């Protein structure tokens, strides 16, 4: 399969960068309006990603179940854990930085992967993206909760 860089970049530009640029412009030019719209936009965005993810899981359910026994699930788990570990150890000596870098490395941009996968790759590739996204949440949320229990409290604001 051959896909050009523009074929990958164009949906990312129209579906992610353009709305981001509009939001940043609005925040810079009309901060009051942007602050008023922000909660509704955040809820809309959250609802949309949950709706699309649940819909994709339902539509790909037989493909997802078909991954059982193929080694794909184990590969996804190993990938996530290695990415978390590499990001974490690359974060230096500050525990907060290590956590952020670790989780940022492990839970890559699911939205971008779904946009590209849905438009240019076969169902199997999109199924893996969905599975890695769901597994990432299922694995990383409890790990994050455990790390949070052991984190030092942030210093109180002295202003």
N, C-alpha and C. Protein backbone atom coordinates (compact mmCIF):
# COMPACT_ATOMS: atom_id res chain seq x y z
N UNK A 1 0.84 -1.17 0.00
CA UNK A 1 0.00 0.00 0.00
C UNK A 1 0.89 1.24 0.00
N UNK A 2 0.49 2.22 -0.76
CA UNK A 2 1.27 3.45 -0.85
C UNK A 2 0.36 4.64 -0.54
N UNK A 3 0.80 5.46 0.39
CA UNK A 3 0.06 6.66 0.77
C UNK A 3 1.05 7.82 0.82
N UNK A 4 0.71 8.92 0.16
CA UNK A 4 1.61 10.06 0.14
C UNK A 4 1.52 10.83 1.46
N UNK A 5 2.52 11.63 1.69
CA UNK A 5 2.55 12.45 2.91
C UNK A 5 1.36 13.41 2.92
N UNK A 6 0.99 13.95 1.76
CA UNK A 6 -0.14 14.87 1.70
C UNK A 6 -1.45 14.15 2.02
N UNK A 7 -1.59 12.90 1.60
CA UNK A 7 -2.80 12.14 1.91
C UNK A 7 -2.97 11.95 3.42
N UNK A 8 -1.87 11.86 4.12
CA UNK A 8 -1.92 11.73 5.58
C UNK A 8 -2.10 13.11 6.22
N UNK A 9 -1.38 14.12 5.71
CA UNK A 9 -1.41 15.44 6.33
C UNK A 9 -2.73 16.18 6.12
N UNK A 10 -3.35 16.04 4.96
CA UNK A 10 -4.54 16.85 4.67
C UNK A 10 -5.70 16.61 5.64
N UNK A 11 -6.06 15.37 6.00
CA UNK A 11 -7.14 15.25 6.98
C UNK A 11 -6.73 15.73 8.37
N UNK A 12 -5.45 15.61 8.71
CA UNK A 12 -4.99 16.12 10.01
C UNK A 12 -5.08 17.63 10.05
N UNK A 13 -4.77 18.28 8.93
CA UNK A 13 -4.84 19.73 8.87
C UNK A 13 -6.28 20.20 8.99
N UNK A 14 -7.18 19.58 8.22
CA UNK A 14 -8.57 20.03 8.22
C UNK A 14 -9.33 19.63 9.48
N UNK A 15 -9.01 18.50 10.06
CA UNK A 15 -9.79 18.02 11.21
C UNK A 15 -9.16 18.36 12.56
N UNK A 16 -7.87 18.71 12.58
CA UNK A 16 -7.22 18.98 13.86
C UNK A 16 -6.56 20.35 13.90
N UNK A 17 -5.68 20.64 12.94
CA UNK A 17 -4.94 21.91 13.01
C UNK A 17 -5.81 23.12 12.72
N UNK A 18 -6.70 23.03 11.76
CA UNK A 18 -7.57 24.16 11.44
C UNK A 18 -8.48 24.53 12.62
N UNK A 19 -9.17 23.56 13.24
CA UNK A 19 -9.96 23.93 14.42
C UNK A 19 -9.10 24.47 15.57
N UNK A 20 -7.90 23.93 15.75
CA UNK A 20 -7.00 24.44 16.78
C UNK A 20 -6.61 25.89 16.47
N UNK A 21 -6.28 26.17 15.23
CA UNK A 21 -5.90 27.54 14.84
C UNK A 21 -7.07 28.50 15.05
N UNK A 22 -8.27 28.07 14.71
CA UNK A 22 -9.45 28.93 14.91
C UNK A 22 -9.65 29.21 16.40
N UNK A 23 -9.50 28.17 17.22
CA UNK A 23 -9.64 28.35 18.67
C UNK A 23 -8.58 29.28 19.24
N UNK A 24 -7.33 29.14 18.80
CA UNK A 24 -6.26 30.01 19.28
C UNK A 24 -6.48 31.46 18.83
N UNK A 25 -6.91 31.63 17.59
CA UNK A 25 -7.20 32.98 17.09
C UNK A 25 -8.33 33.61 17.89
N UNK A 26 -9.37 32.82 18.13
CA UNK A 26 -10.50 33.34 18.90
C UNK A 26 -10.06 33.72 20.32
N UNK A 27 -9.24 32.88 20.94
CA UNK A 27 -8.75 33.18 22.30
C UNK A 27 -7.92 34.46 22.32
N UNK A 28 -7.13 34.67 21.27
CA UNK A 28 -6.29 35.87 21.20
C UNK A 28 -7.12 37.13 20.90
N UNK A 29 -8.10 37.02 20.03
CA UNK A 29 -8.86 38.20 19.60
C UNK A 29 -10.07 38.49 20.47
N UNK A 30 -10.76 37.43 20.92
CA UNK A 30 -12.00 37.58 21.70
C UNK A 30 -11.95 36.66 22.92
N UNK A 31 -11.07 36.98 23.89
CA UNK A 31 -10.88 36.08 25.03
C UNK A 31 -12.15 35.83 25.84
N UNK A 32 -13.00 36.83 25.99
CA UNK A 32 -14.24 36.65 26.76
C UNK A 32 -15.17 35.63 26.10
N UNK A 33 -15.34 35.76 24.79
CA UNK A 33 -16.19 34.83 24.05
C UNK A 33 -15.58 33.43 24.08
N UNK A 34 -14.26 33.36 23.93
CA UNK A 34 -13.58 32.06 23.96
C UNK A 34 -13.76 31.39 25.31
N UNK A 35 -13.63 32.17 26.39
CA UNK A 35 -13.81 31.61 27.74
C UNK A 35 -15.25 31.13 27.95
N UNK A 36 -16.20 31.84 27.38
CA UNK A 36 -17.60 31.44 27.49
C UNK A 36 -17.88 30.15 26.72
N UNK A 37 -17.29 30.03 25.54
CA UNK A 37 -17.54 28.85 24.70
C UNK A 37 -16.73 27.62 25.12
N UNK A 38 -15.63 27.82 25.85
CA UNK A 38 -14.71 26.72 26.16
C UNK A 38 -15.38 25.53 26.84
N UNK A 39 -16.21 25.70 27.87
CA UNK A 39 -16.81 24.52 28.49
C UNK A 39 -17.69 23.71 27.53
N UNK A 40 -18.47 24.40 26.72
CA UNK A 40 -19.33 23.69 25.76
C UNK A 40 -18.49 22.98 24.71
N UNK A 41 -17.42 23.62 24.25
CA UNK A 41 -16.56 22.99 23.25
C UNK A 41 -15.84 21.78 23.83
N UNK A 42 -15.41 21.88 25.09
CA UNK A 42 -14.74 20.75 25.74
C UNK A 42 -15.70 19.57 25.88
N UNK A 43 -16.94 19.84 26.28
CA UNK A 43 -17.93 18.77 26.40
C UNK A 43 -18.26 18.17 25.04
N UNK A 44 -18.39 19.00 24.03
CA UNK A 44 -18.68 18.51 22.69
C UNK A 44 -17.55 17.63 22.18
N UNK A 45 -16.32 18.07 22.40
CA UNK A 45 -15.16 17.30 21.98
C UNK A 45 -15.10 15.95 22.69
N UNK A 46 -15.32 15.95 24.00
CA UNK A 46 -15.30 14.71 24.76
C UNK A 46 -16.39 13.77 24.30
N UNK A 47 -17.60 14.30 24.12
CA UNK A 47 -18.72 13.48 23.65
C UNK A 47 -18.41 12.90 22.28
N UNK A 48 -17.85 13.71 21.38
CA UNK A 48 -17.58 13.25 20.02
C UNK A 48 -16.55 12.11 20.02
N UNK A 49 -15.46 12.24 20.79
CA UNK A 49 -14.45 11.18 20.78
C UNK A 49 -14.99 9.91 21.41
N UNK A 50 -15.79 10.04 22.49
CA UNK A 50 -16.39 8.84 23.10
C UNK A 50 -17.37 8.20 22.14
N UNK A 51 -18.22 9.00 21.51
CA UNK A 51 -19.20 8.49 20.56
C UNK A 51 -18.52 7.77 19.39
N UNK A 52 -17.49 8.39 18.84
CA UNK A 52 -16.78 7.78 17.71
C UNK A 52 -16.02 6.53 18.13
N UNK A 53 -15.41 6.54 19.30
CA UNK A 53 -14.67 5.37 19.76
C UNK A 53 -15.62 4.21 20.04
N UNK A 54 -16.73 4.49 20.71
CA UNK A 54 -17.71 3.43 20.97
C UNK A 54 -18.29 2.91 19.65
N UNK A 55 -18.59 3.82 18.75
CA UNK A 55 -19.09 3.40 17.44
C UNK A 55 -18.09 2.55 16.69
N UNK A 56 -16.83 2.94 16.73
CA UNK A 56 -15.79 2.16 16.05
C UNK A 56 -15.63 0.79 16.67
N UNK A 57 -15.74 0.72 18.00
CA UNK A 57 -15.64 -0.59 18.68
C UNK A 57 -16.81 -1.47 18.25
N UNK A 58 -18.01 -0.91 18.23
CA UNK A 58 -19.17 -1.70 17.82
C UNK A 58 -19.04 -2.17 16.38
N UNK A 59 -18.63 -1.27 15.50
CA UNK A 59 -18.51 -1.61 14.07
C UNK A 59 -17.39 -2.62 13.83
N UNK A 60 -16.35 -2.60 14.65
CA UNK A 60 -15.20 -3.48 14.44
C UNK A 60 -15.16 -4.63 15.44
N UNK A 61 -16.27 -4.88 16.14
CA UNK A 61 -16.25 -5.86 17.22
C UNK A 61 -15.75 -7.23 16.76
N UNK A 62 -16.20 -7.72 15.62
CA UNK A 62 -15.76 -9.05 15.17
C UNK A 62 -14.27 -9.05 14.85
N UNK A 63 -13.77 -7.95 14.30
CA UNK A 63 -12.33 -7.85 14.04
C UNK A 63 -11.54 -7.79 15.34
N UNK A 64 -12.08 -7.07 16.34
CA UNK A 64 -11.40 -6.97 17.63
C UNK A 64 -11.34 -8.34 18.29
N UNK A 65 -12.45 -9.05 18.30
CA UNK A 65 -12.48 -10.40 18.88
C UNK A 65 -11.54 -11.31 18.10
N UNK A 66 -11.44 -11.09 16.79
CA UNK A 66 -10.54 -11.88 15.96
C UNK A 66 -9.07 -11.70 16.31
N UNK A 67 -8.73 -10.64 17.02
CA UNK A 67 -7.34 -10.43 17.43
C UNK A 67 -6.91 -11.37 18.54
N UNK A 68 -7.90 -11.92 19.26
CA UNK A 68 -7.57 -12.83 20.37
C UNK A 68 -6.86 -14.04 19.80
N UNK A 69 -5.72 -14.32 20.37
CA UNK A 69 -4.94 -15.47 19.94
C UNK A 69 -3.95 -15.19 18.83
N UNK A 70 -3.96 -13.97 18.28
CA UNK A 70 -3.03 -13.66 17.19
C UNK A 70 -1.71 -13.09 17.69
N UNK A 71 -1.67 -12.74 18.95
CA UNK A 71 -0.48 -12.07 19.48
C UNK A 71 -0.57 -10.56 19.37
N UNK A 72 -1.59 -10.06 18.68
CA UNK A 72 -1.75 -8.62 18.51
C UNK A 72 -2.03 -7.90 19.81
N UNK A 73 -2.84 -8.51 20.68
CA UNK A 73 -3.14 -7.89 21.97
C UNK A 73 -1.90 -7.83 22.85
N UNK A 74 -1.14 -8.91 22.86
CA UNK A 74 0.09 -8.94 23.65
C UNK A 74 1.08 -7.91 23.10
N UNK A 75 1.17 -7.83 21.78
CA UNK A 75 2.07 -6.84 21.17
C UNK A 75 1.65 -5.42 21.55
N UNK A 76 0.35 -5.15 21.57
CA UNK A 76 -0.13 -3.82 21.95
C UNK A 76 0.21 -3.51 23.40
N UNK A 77 0.02 -4.48 24.29
CA UNK A 77 0.33 -4.27 25.71
C UNK A 77 1.82 -4.04 25.90
N UNK A 78 2.64 -4.86 25.26
CA UNK A 78 4.10 -4.71 25.37
C UNK A 78 4.53 -3.35 24.82
N UNK A 79 3.97 -2.95 23.68
CA UNK A 79 4.28 -1.65 23.09
C UNK A 79 3.96 -0.52 24.07
N UNK A 80 2.77 -0.55 24.65
CA UNK A 80 2.36 0.49 25.59
C UNK A 80 3.27 0.55 26.81
N UNK A 81 3.59 -0.61 27.37
CA UNK A 81 4.42 -0.64 28.57
C UNK A 81 5.86 -0.19 28.28
N UNK A 82 6.40 -0.59 27.12
CA UNK A 82 7.74 -0.14 26.75
C UNK A 82 7.75 1.37 26.51
N UNK A 83 6.73 1.88 25.82
CA UNK A 83 6.65 3.32 25.57
C UNK A 83 6.54 4.08 26.89
N UNK A 84 5.72 3.59 27.82
CA UNK A 84 5.59 4.21 29.13
C UNK A 84 6.94 4.22 29.85
N UNK A 85 7.62 3.09 29.86
CA UNK A 85 8.91 2.98 30.53
C UNK A 85 9.96 3.87 29.92
N UNK A 86 10.06 3.89 28.59
CA UNK A 86 11.06 4.74 27.93
C UNK A 86 10.79 6.22 28.17
N UNK A 87 9.54 6.61 28.08
CA UNK A 87 9.20 8.00 28.36
C UNK A 87 9.48 8.37 29.80
N UNK A 88 9.17 7.46 30.70
CA UNK A 88 9.36 7.72 32.12
C UNK A 88 10.84 7.89 32.47
N UNK A 89 11.68 6.98 31.97
CA UNK A 89 13.11 7.09 32.30
C UNK A 89 13.79 8.25 31.57
N UNK A 90 13.17 8.72 30.49
CA UNK A 90 13.73 9.86 29.75
C UNK A 90 13.37 11.19 30.39
N UNK A 91 12.52 11.16 31.42
CA UNK A 91 12.00 12.38 32.01
C UNK A 91 12.90 13.07 33.01
N UNK A 92 14.09 12.54 33.23
CA UNK A 92 15.00 13.20 34.16
C UNK A 92 14.70 12.87 35.61
N UNK A 93 15.08 13.78 36.50
CA UNK A 93 14.99 13.49 37.93
C UNK A 93 13.68 13.96 38.57
N UNK A 94 12.94 14.83 37.92
CA UNK A 94 11.69 15.33 38.49
C UNK A 94 10.58 14.31 38.27
N UNK A 95 9.98 13.78 39.35
CA UNK A 95 8.94 12.76 39.21
C UNK A 95 7.75 13.22 38.37
N UNK A 96 7.36 14.48 38.49
CA UNK A 96 6.23 14.98 37.70
C UNK A 96 6.55 14.96 36.21
N UNK A 97 7.75 15.39 35.86
CA UNK A 97 8.16 15.39 34.46
C UNK A 97 8.24 13.96 33.93
N UNK A 98 8.77 13.05 34.74
CA UNK A 98 8.85 11.64 34.32
C UNK A 98 7.46 11.09 34.04
N UNK A 99 6.52 11.37 34.93
CA UNK A 99 5.16 10.86 34.73
C UNK A 99 4.53 11.41 33.46
N UNK A 100 4.63 12.72 33.28
CA UNK A 100 4.03 13.34 32.10
C UNK A 100 4.66 12.80 30.83
N UNK A 101 5.97 12.71 30.80
CA UNK A 101 6.64 12.21 29.59
C UNK A 101 6.33 10.74 29.36
N UNK A 102 6.27 9.96 30.42
CA UNK A 102 5.93 8.54 30.29
C UNK A 102 4.55 8.33 29.72
N UNK A 103 3.57 9.01 30.30
CA UNK A 103 2.19 8.84 29.82
C UNK A 103 1.98 9.47 28.45
N UNK A 104 2.63 10.58 28.20
CA UNK A 104 2.54 11.19 26.88
C UNK A 104 3.13 10.31 25.79
N UNK A 105 4.18 9.57 26.14
CA UNK A 105 4.80 8.67 25.17
C UNK A 105 3.92 7.44 24.95
N UNK A 106 3.34 6.92 26.02
CA UNK A 106 2.54 5.71 25.90
C UNK A 106 1.19 5.96 25.25
N UNK A 107 0.52 7.02 25.61
CA UNK A 107 -0.82 7.28 25.06
C UNK A 107 -0.71 8.37 24.02
N UNK A 108 -0.19 7.98 22.89
CA UNK A 108 0.04 8.92 21.80
C UNK A 108 -1.26 9.59 21.38
N UNK A 109 -1.28 10.31 20.30
CA UNK A 109 -2.47 11.03 19.88
C UNK A 109 -3.45 10.08 19.19
N UNK A 110 -4.36 9.53 19.97
CA UNK A 110 -5.34 8.58 19.45
C UNK A 110 -6.21 9.21 18.37
N UNK A 111 -6.60 10.47 18.56
CA UNK A 111 -7.46 11.13 17.58
C UNK A 111 -6.79 11.20 16.21
N UNK A 112 -5.52 11.59 16.19
CA UNK A 112 -4.81 11.67 14.91
C UNK A 112 -4.67 10.30 14.26
N UNK A 113 -4.38 9.30 15.06
CA UNK A 113 -4.25 7.94 14.53
C UNK A 113 -5.58 7.45 13.95
N UNK A 114 -6.68 7.77 14.62
CA UNK A 114 -7.99 7.36 14.11
C UNK A 114 -8.33 8.07 12.81
N UNK A 115 -8.01 9.36 12.72
CA UNK A 115 -8.28 10.12 11.49
C UNK A 115 -7.53 9.50 10.32
N UNK A 116 -6.24 9.29 10.50
CA UNK A 116 -5.42 8.74 9.41
C UNK A 116 -5.82 7.30 9.12
N UNK A 117 -5.99 6.51 10.16
CA UNK A 117 -6.34 5.10 9.97
C UNK A 117 -7.67 4.91 9.28
N UNK A 118 -8.66 5.71 9.63
CA UNK A 118 -9.99 5.56 9.05
C UNK A 118 -10.01 5.94 7.57
N UNK A 119 -9.15 6.84 7.17
CA UNK A 119 -9.19 7.30 5.79
C UNK A 119 -8.26 6.55 4.84
N UNK A 120 -7.21 5.91 5.37
CA UNK A 120 -6.20 5.41 4.45
C UNK A 120 -5.77 3.96 4.63
N UNK A 121 -6.23 3.31 5.67
CA UNK A 121 -5.72 1.98 5.92
C UNK A 121 -6.84 0.96 6.04
N UNK A 122 -6.51 -0.30 5.80
CA UNK A 122 -7.53 -1.33 5.87
C UNK A 122 -8.13 -1.45 7.27
N UNK A 123 -9.24 -2.13 7.34
CA UNK A 123 -9.96 -2.30 8.59
C UNK A 123 -9.06 -2.86 9.69
N UNK A 124 -8.17 -3.78 9.35
CA UNK A 124 -7.33 -4.40 10.36
C UNK A 124 -6.43 -3.38 11.05
N UNK A 125 -5.88 -2.45 10.29
CA UNK A 125 -5.01 -1.42 10.88
C UNK A 125 -5.81 -0.52 11.81
N UNK A 126 -7.00 -0.13 11.39
CA UNK A 126 -7.86 0.70 12.22
C UNK A 126 -8.27 -0.05 13.48
N UNK A 127 -8.51 -1.34 13.35
CA UNK A 127 -8.85 -2.16 14.52
C UNK A 127 -7.72 -2.13 15.53
N UNK A 128 -6.48 -2.24 15.08
CA UNK A 128 -5.34 -2.19 16.00
C UNK A 128 -5.26 -0.82 16.69
N UNK A 129 -5.53 0.25 15.96
CA UNK A 129 -5.50 1.58 16.57
C UNK A 129 -6.55 1.67 17.68
N UNK A 130 -7.75 1.17 17.41
CA UNK A 130 -8.81 1.18 18.41
C UNK A 130 -8.41 0.35 19.62
N UNK A 131 -7.89 -0.84 19.37
CA UNK A 131 -7.50 -1.73 20.47
C UNK A 131 -6.39 -1.10 21.31
N UNK A 132 -5.39 -0.53 20.67
CA UNK A 132 -4.30 0.10 21.41
C UNK A 132 -4.82 1.29 22.22
N UNK A 133 -5.76 2.05 21.66
CA UNK A 133 -6.33 3.17 22.40
C UNK A 133 -7.09 2.71 23.63
N UNK A 134 -7.93 1.70 23.48
CA UNK A 134 -8.71 1.19 24.61
C UNK A 134 -7.80 0.52 25.63
N UNK A 135 -6.86 -0.31 25.15
CA UNK A 135 -5.92 -0.94 26.08
C UNK A 135 -5.07 0.11 26.80
N UNK A 136 -4.69 1.15 26.07
CA UNK A 136 -3.91 2.22 26.69
C UNK A 136 -4.66 2.84 27.86
N UNK A 137 -5.93 3.13 27.65
CA UNK A 137 -6.72 3.68 28.75
C UNK A 137 -6.85 2.68 29.89
N UNK A 138 -7.13 1.44 29.55
CA UNK A 138 -7.33 0.42 30.58
C UNK A 138 -6.05 0.16 31.38
N UNK A 139 -4.90 0.24 30.74
CA UNK A 139 -3.63 0.00 31.44
C UNK A 139 -3.10 1.25 32.14
N UNK A 140 -3.20 2.37 31.46
CA UNK A 140 -2.54 3.57 31.97
C UNK A 140 -3.31 4.28 33.08
N UNK A 141 -4.64 4.17 33.08
CA UNK A 141 -5.39 4.82 34.15
C UNK A 141 -5.04 4.25 35.53
N UNK A 142 -5.03 2.92 35.71
CA UNK A 142 -4.64 2.41 37.03
C UNK A 142 -3.18 2.69 37.38
N UNK A 143 -2.31 2.66 36.38
CA UNK A 143 -0.90 2.98 36.65
C UNK A 143 -0.77 4.43 37.08
N UNK A 144 -1.49 5.32 36.40
CA UNK A 144 -1.48 6.73 36.77
C UNK A 144 -2.04 6.97 38.16
N UNK A 145 -3.12 6.25 38.50
CA UNK A 145 -3.70 6.38 39.84
C UNK A 145 -2.69 5.94 40.90
N UNK A 146 -1.98 4.86 40.63
CA UNK A 146 -1.00 4.36 41.59
C UNK A 146 0.17 5.34 41.73
N UNK A 147 0.65 5.86 40.62
CA UNK A 147 1.73 6.85 40.69
C UNK A 147 1.26 8.10 41.43
N UNK A 148 0.01 8.50 41.22
CA UNK A 148 -0.54 9.67 41.89
C UNK A 148 -0.59 9.50 43.40
N UNK A 149 -0.82 8.28 43.86
CA UNK A 149 -0.85 8.02 45.31
C UNK A 149 0.51 8.26 45.94
N UNK A 150 1.57 8.02 45.18
CA UNK A 150 2.92 8.13 45.71
C UNK A 150 3.58 9.47 45.40
N UNK A 151 2.87 10.33 44.67
CA UNK A 151 3.45 11.63 44.29
C UNK A 151 3.45 12.57 45.49
N UNK A 152 4.45 13.42 45.51
CA UNK A 152 4.52 14.44 46.55
C UNK A 152 3.48 15.52 46.23
N UNK A 153 2.80 16.03 47.24
CA UNK A 153 1.81 17.09 46.97
C UNK A 153 2.49 18.34 46.44
N UNK A 154 1.79 19.01 45.55
CA UNK A 154 2.32 20.25 44.99
C UNK A 154 2.36 21.31 46.08
N UNK A 155 3.38 22.16 46.05
CA UNK A 155 3.46 23.22 47.07
C UNK A 155 2.28 24.17 46.94
N UNK A 156 1.79 24.66 48.05
CA UNK A 156 0.67 25.59 48.05
C UNK A 156 1.10 26.90 47.44
N UNK A 157 0.17 27.55 46.74
CA UNK A 157 0.45 28.84 46.11
C UNK A 157 0.61 29.90 47.21
N UNK A 158 1.73 30.58 47.20
CA UNK A 158 2.06 31.56 48.24
C UNK A 158 1.69 33.00 47.84
N UNK A 159 0.85 33.17 46.83
CA UNK A 159 0.53 34.54 46.40
C UNK A 159 -0.56 35.18 47.19
